[in-house]
Each structure stands twice: as structure tokens, then as C-alpha cells.
């Protein structure tokens, strides 16, 4: 049986630094808290926020999910 070809990830799905900062401001999340949620270092979050490192599609999708269902943030 031939498996269907997976959909390609769309680059536009990645959050821009401003969108990530807006999310953090709206939900009152600090850089330290965001680093704990995603299991990365605080400097990594700083790189995302300055645009020096791209925020992944997977993390972008999670942020959109957290934005839609803010109660999920309390799980972390």
C-alpha cells in the first residue's frame, strides 16, 4: 500500500518575533516562563524575540493552540 505524501510545512506558519512578543504580553508570560514551556534556555527565547533564530512551525502551532485555549498554559 502506498502512503499518501505528507503536506509540506508552510513557512508562513512560523510566528514572527512581534507575534511571539504580543502573545507573551497578552498572556503575561516572561522569557523565563516561555523557556520552561518549550524546554529551551532563556537565551534561546531571546534569539526568537530578536529574530536571530527562527521560531519553528511546531512551536508556532503550539502558541496558536495556547492562544485559543489559554487554560493549557497552566498545564506547564
N, C-alpha and C. Protein backbone atom coordinates (compact mmCIF):
# COMPACT_ATOMS: atom_id res chain seq x y z
N UNK A 1 0.85 -1.17 0.00
CA UNK A 1 0.00 0.00 0.00
C UNK A 1 0.89 1.24 0.00
N UNK A 2 0.58 2.15 -0.87
CA UNK A 2 1.37 3.38 -1.00
C UNK A 2 0.83 4.43 -0.02
N UNK A 3 1.74 4.99 0.78
CA UNK A 3 1.37 6.01 1.75
C UNK A 3 1.18 7.35 1.03
N UNK A 4 0.18 8.12 1.46
CA UNK A 4 0.00 9.44 0.85
C UNK A 4 1.16 10.35 1.21
N UNK A 5 1.50 11.21 0.28
CA UNK A 5 2.59 12.15 0.50
C UNK A 5 2.15 13.18 1.54
N UNK A 6 2.97 13.39 2.60
CA UNK A 6 2.58 14.37 3.63
C UNK A 6 2.59 15.79 3.08
N UNK A 7 1.72 16.61 3.64
CA UNK A 7 1.69 18.01 3.24
C UNK A 7 2.98 18.69 3.67
N UNK A 8 3.42 19.59 2.86
CA UNK A 8 4.61 20.36 3.19
C UNK A 8 4.28 21.39 4.25
N UNK A 9 5.26 21.67 5.08
CA UNK A 9 5.09 22.70 6.09
C UNK A 9 5.21 24.06 5.39
N UNK A 10 4.27 24.91 5.69
CA UNK A 10 4.27 26.23 5.07
C UNK A 10 5.10 27.18 5.94
N UNK A 11 6.09 27.79 5.33
CA UNK A 11 6.99 28.69 6.06
C UNK A 11 6.24 29.84 6.71
N UNK A 12 5.14 30.27 6.08
CA UNK A 12 4.36 31.39 6.63
C UNK A 12 3.76 31.05 8.00
N UNK A 13 3.72 29.77 8.34
CA UNK A 13 3.13 29.38 9.62
C UNK A 13 4.01 29.80 10.80
N UNK A 14 5.28 30.03 10.56
CA UNK A 14 6.18 30.42 11.65
C UNK A 14 5.81 31.79 12.17
N UNK A 15 5.71 31.90 13.49
CA UNK A 15 5.42 33.19 14.10
C UNK A 15 6.60 34.13 13.92
N UNK A 16 6.30 35.36 13.70
CA UNK A 16 7.31 36.41 13.64
C UNK A 16 7.61 36.84 15.08
N UNK A 17 8.79 37.43 15.31
CA UNK A 17 9.14 37.85 16.67
C UNK A 17 8.08 38.74 17.33
N UNK A 18 7.50 39.67 16.58
CA UNK A 18 6.48 40.57 17.12
C UNK A 18 5.24 39.79 17.57
N UNK A 19 4.86 38.79 16.79
CA UNK A 19 3.69 37.97 17.14
C UNK A 19 3.95 37.19 18.43
N UNK A 20 5.17 36.67 18.57
CA UNK A 20 5.52 35.94 19.78
C UNK A 20 5.52 36.88 20.99
N UNK A 21 6.09 38.07 20.82
CA UNK A 21 6.12 39.05 21.90
C UNK A 21 4.70 39.47 22.29
N UNK A 22 3.83 39.67 21.30
CA UNK A 22 2.43 40.03 21.57
C UNK A 22 1.73 38.93 22.36
N UNK A 23 1.99 37.68 21.99
CA UNK A 23 1.42 36.53 22.71
C UNK A 23 1.87 36.55 24.17
N UNK A 24 3.16 36.75 24.37
CA UNK A 24 3.71 36.77 25.73
C UNK A 24 3.12 37.91 26.54
N UNK A 25 3.03 39.09 25.95
CA UNK A 25 2.46 40.25 26.65
C UNK A 25 1.00 40.01 27.01
N UNK A 26 0.23 39.49 26.06
CA UNK A 26 -1.20 39.28 26.28
C UNK A 26 -1.46 38.29 27.42
N UNK A 27 -0.64 37.23 27.47
CA UNK A 27 -0.84 36.19 28.49
C UNK A 27 0.04 36.39 29.73
N UNK A 28 0.83 37.47 29.76
CA UNK A 28 1.66 37.75 30.92
C UNK A 28 2.75 36.72 31.15
N UNK A 29 3.39 36.27 30.06
CA UNK A 29 4.42 35.24 30.14
C UNK A 29 5.79 35.89 29.99
N UNK A 30 6.68 35.58 30.91
CA UNK A 30 8.04 36.11 30.85
C UNK A 30 8.90 35.23 29.93
N UNK A 31 10.10 35.71 29.63
CA UNK A 31 11.03 34.91 28.83
C UNK A 31 11.38 33.61 29.55
N UNK A 32 11.57 33.70 30.85
CA UNK A 32 11.90 32.51 31.63
C UNK A 32 10.77 31.49 31.57
N UNK A 33 9.53 31.98 31.73
CA UNK A 33 8.38 31.08 31.68
C UNK A 33 8.24 30.43 30.30
N UNK A 34 8.45 31.22 29.25
CA UNK A 34 8.36 30.66 27.90
C UNK A 34 9.44 29.61 27.67
N UNK A 35 10.63 29.87 28.21
CA UNK A 35 11.71 28.90 28.06
C UNK A 35 11.36 27.59 28.76
N UNK A 36 10.69 27.66 29.90
CA UNK A 36 10.27 26.45 30.61
C UNK A 36 9.19 25.71 29.85
N UNK A 37 8.26 26.44 29.25
CA UNK A 37 7.18 25.82 28.49
C UNK A 37 7.74 25.02 27.31
N UNK A 38 8.70 25.60 26.60
CA UNK A 38 9.25 24.95 25.41
C UNK A 38 10.51 24.14 25.67
N UNK A 39 10.99 24.13 26.90
CA UNK A 39 12.16 23.32 27.23
C UNK A 39 13.43 23.80 26.57
N UNK A 40 13.58 25.12 26.51
CA UNK A 40 14.79 25.71 25.93
C UNK A 40 15.38 26.68 26.95
N UNK A 41 16.52 27.24 26.62
CA UNK A 41 17.15 28.20 27.51
C UNK A 41 16.53 29.58 27.31
N UNK A 42 16.71 30.43 28.30
CA UNK A 42 16.24 31.82 28.18
C UNK A 42 16.95 32.55 27.04
N UNK A 43 18.26 32.34 26.83
CA UNK A 43 18.90 32.97 25.66
C UNK A 43 18.27 32.53 24.33
N UNK A 44 17.79 31.30 24.24
CA UNK A 44 17.13 30.83 23.01
C UNK A 44 15.86 31.65 22.76
N UNK A 45 15.12 31.92 23.83
CA UNK A 45 13.91 32.74 23.71
C UNK A 45 14.29 34.14 23.24
N UNK A 46 15.37 34.67 23.77
CA UNK A 46 15.83 36.00 23.35
C UNK A 46 16.17 36.02 21.86
N UNK A 47 16.77 34.95 21.38
CA UNK A 47 17.09 34.86 19.95
C UNK A 47 15.82 34.82 19.10
N UNK A 48 14.78 34.12 19.58
CA UNK A 48 13.49 34.11 18.87
C UNK A 48 12.91 35.51 18.81
N UNK A 49 12.97 36.21 19.94
CA UNK A 49 12.33 37.52 20.04
C UNK A 49 13.07 38.60 19.26
N UNK A 50 14.35 38.40 19.00
CA UNK A 50 15.11 39.37 18.21
C UNK A 50 15.18 38.97 16.74
N UNK A 51 14.65 37.80 16.41
CA UNK A 51 14.65 37.33 15.03
C UNK A 51 15.96 36.72 14.58
N UNK A 52 16.88 36.48 15.52
CA UNK A 52 18.17 35.88 15.18
C UNK A 52 18.05 34.37 14.99
N UNK A 53 16.98 33.79 15.54
CA UNK A 53 16.70 32.37 15.35
C UNK A 53 15.22 32.24 15.04
N UNK A 54 14.91 31.45 14.02
CA UNK A 54 13.52 31.29 13.61
C UNK A 54 12.75 30.42 14.61
N UNK A 55 11.54 30.83 14.90
CA UNK A 55 10.63 30.08 15.75
C UNK A 55 10.04 28.98 14.88
N UNK A 56 10.10 27.73 15.31
CA UNK A 56 9.69 26.61 14.46
C UNK A 56 8.19 26.59 14.19
N UNK A 57 7.82 25.88 13.15
CA UNK A 57 6.41 25.71 12.80
C UNK A 57 5.68 24.99 13.93
N UNK A 58 6.31 23.96 14.49
CA UNK A 58 5.68 23.20 15.57
C UNK A 58 5.41 24.09 16.78
N UNK A 59 6.41 24.88 17.18
CA UNK A 59 6.21 25.79 18.31
C UNK A 59 5.18 26.86 17.97
N UNK A 60 5.18 27.31 16.74
CA UNK A 60 4.18 28.31 16.32
C UNK A 60 2.77 27.75 16.43
N UNK A 61 2.61 26.50 16.04
CA UNK A 61 1.30 25.86 16.15
C UNK A 61 0.89 25.71 17.61
N UNK A 62 1.86 25.40 18.47
CA UNK A 62 1.56 25.29 19.90
C UNK A 62 1.13 26.63 20.48
N UNK A 63 1.82 27.69 20.09
CA UNK A 63 1.45 29.02 20.58
C UNK A 63 0.03 29.37 20.16
N UNK A 64 -0.31 29.06 18.92
CA UNK A 64 -1.68 29.33 18.45
C UNK A 64 -2.70 28.51 19.24
N UNK A 65 -2.34 27.28 19.57
CA UNK A 65 -3.21 26.44 20.39
C UNK A 65 -3.35 27.02 21.79
N UNK A 66 -2.24 27.45 22.39
CA UNK A 66 -2.28 28.09 23.71
C UNK A 66 -3.12 29.36 23.67
N UNK A 67 -3.02 30.10 22.58
CA UNK A 67 -3.78 31.33 22.46
C UNK A 67 -5.28 31.04 22.39
N UNK A 68 -5.62 29.97 21.71
CA UNK A 68 -7.03 29.58 21.57
C UNK A 68 -7.56 28.97 22.87
N UNK A 69 -6.69 28.21 23.56
CA UNK A 69 -7.08 27.54 24.80
C UNK A 69 -6.09 27.90 25.91
N UNK A 70 -6.20 29.11 26.47
CA UNK A 70 -5.22 29.59 27.45
C UNK A 70 -5.11 28.72 28.70
N UNK A 71 -6.12 27.95 29.01
CA UNK A 71 -6.05 27.07 30.18
C UNK A 71 -4.92 26.05 30.03
N UNK A 72 -4.56 25.74 28.80
CA UNK A 72 -3.47 24.79 28.57
C UNK A 72 -2.13 25.31 29.10
N UNK A 73 -1.97 26.63 29.14
CA UNK A 73 -0.74 27.22 29.65
C UNK A 73 -0.50 26.85 31.10
N UNK A 74 -1.57 26.66 31.85
CA UNK A 74 -1.44 26.31 33.26
C UNK A 74 -0.93 24.88 33.46
N UNK A 75 -0.98 24.08 32.42
CA UNK A 75 -0.51 22.69 32.49
C UNK A 75 1.01 22.60 32.52
N UNK A 76 1.66 23.71 32.14
CA UNK A 76 3.12 23.69 32.06
C UNK A 76 3.73 24.34 33.24
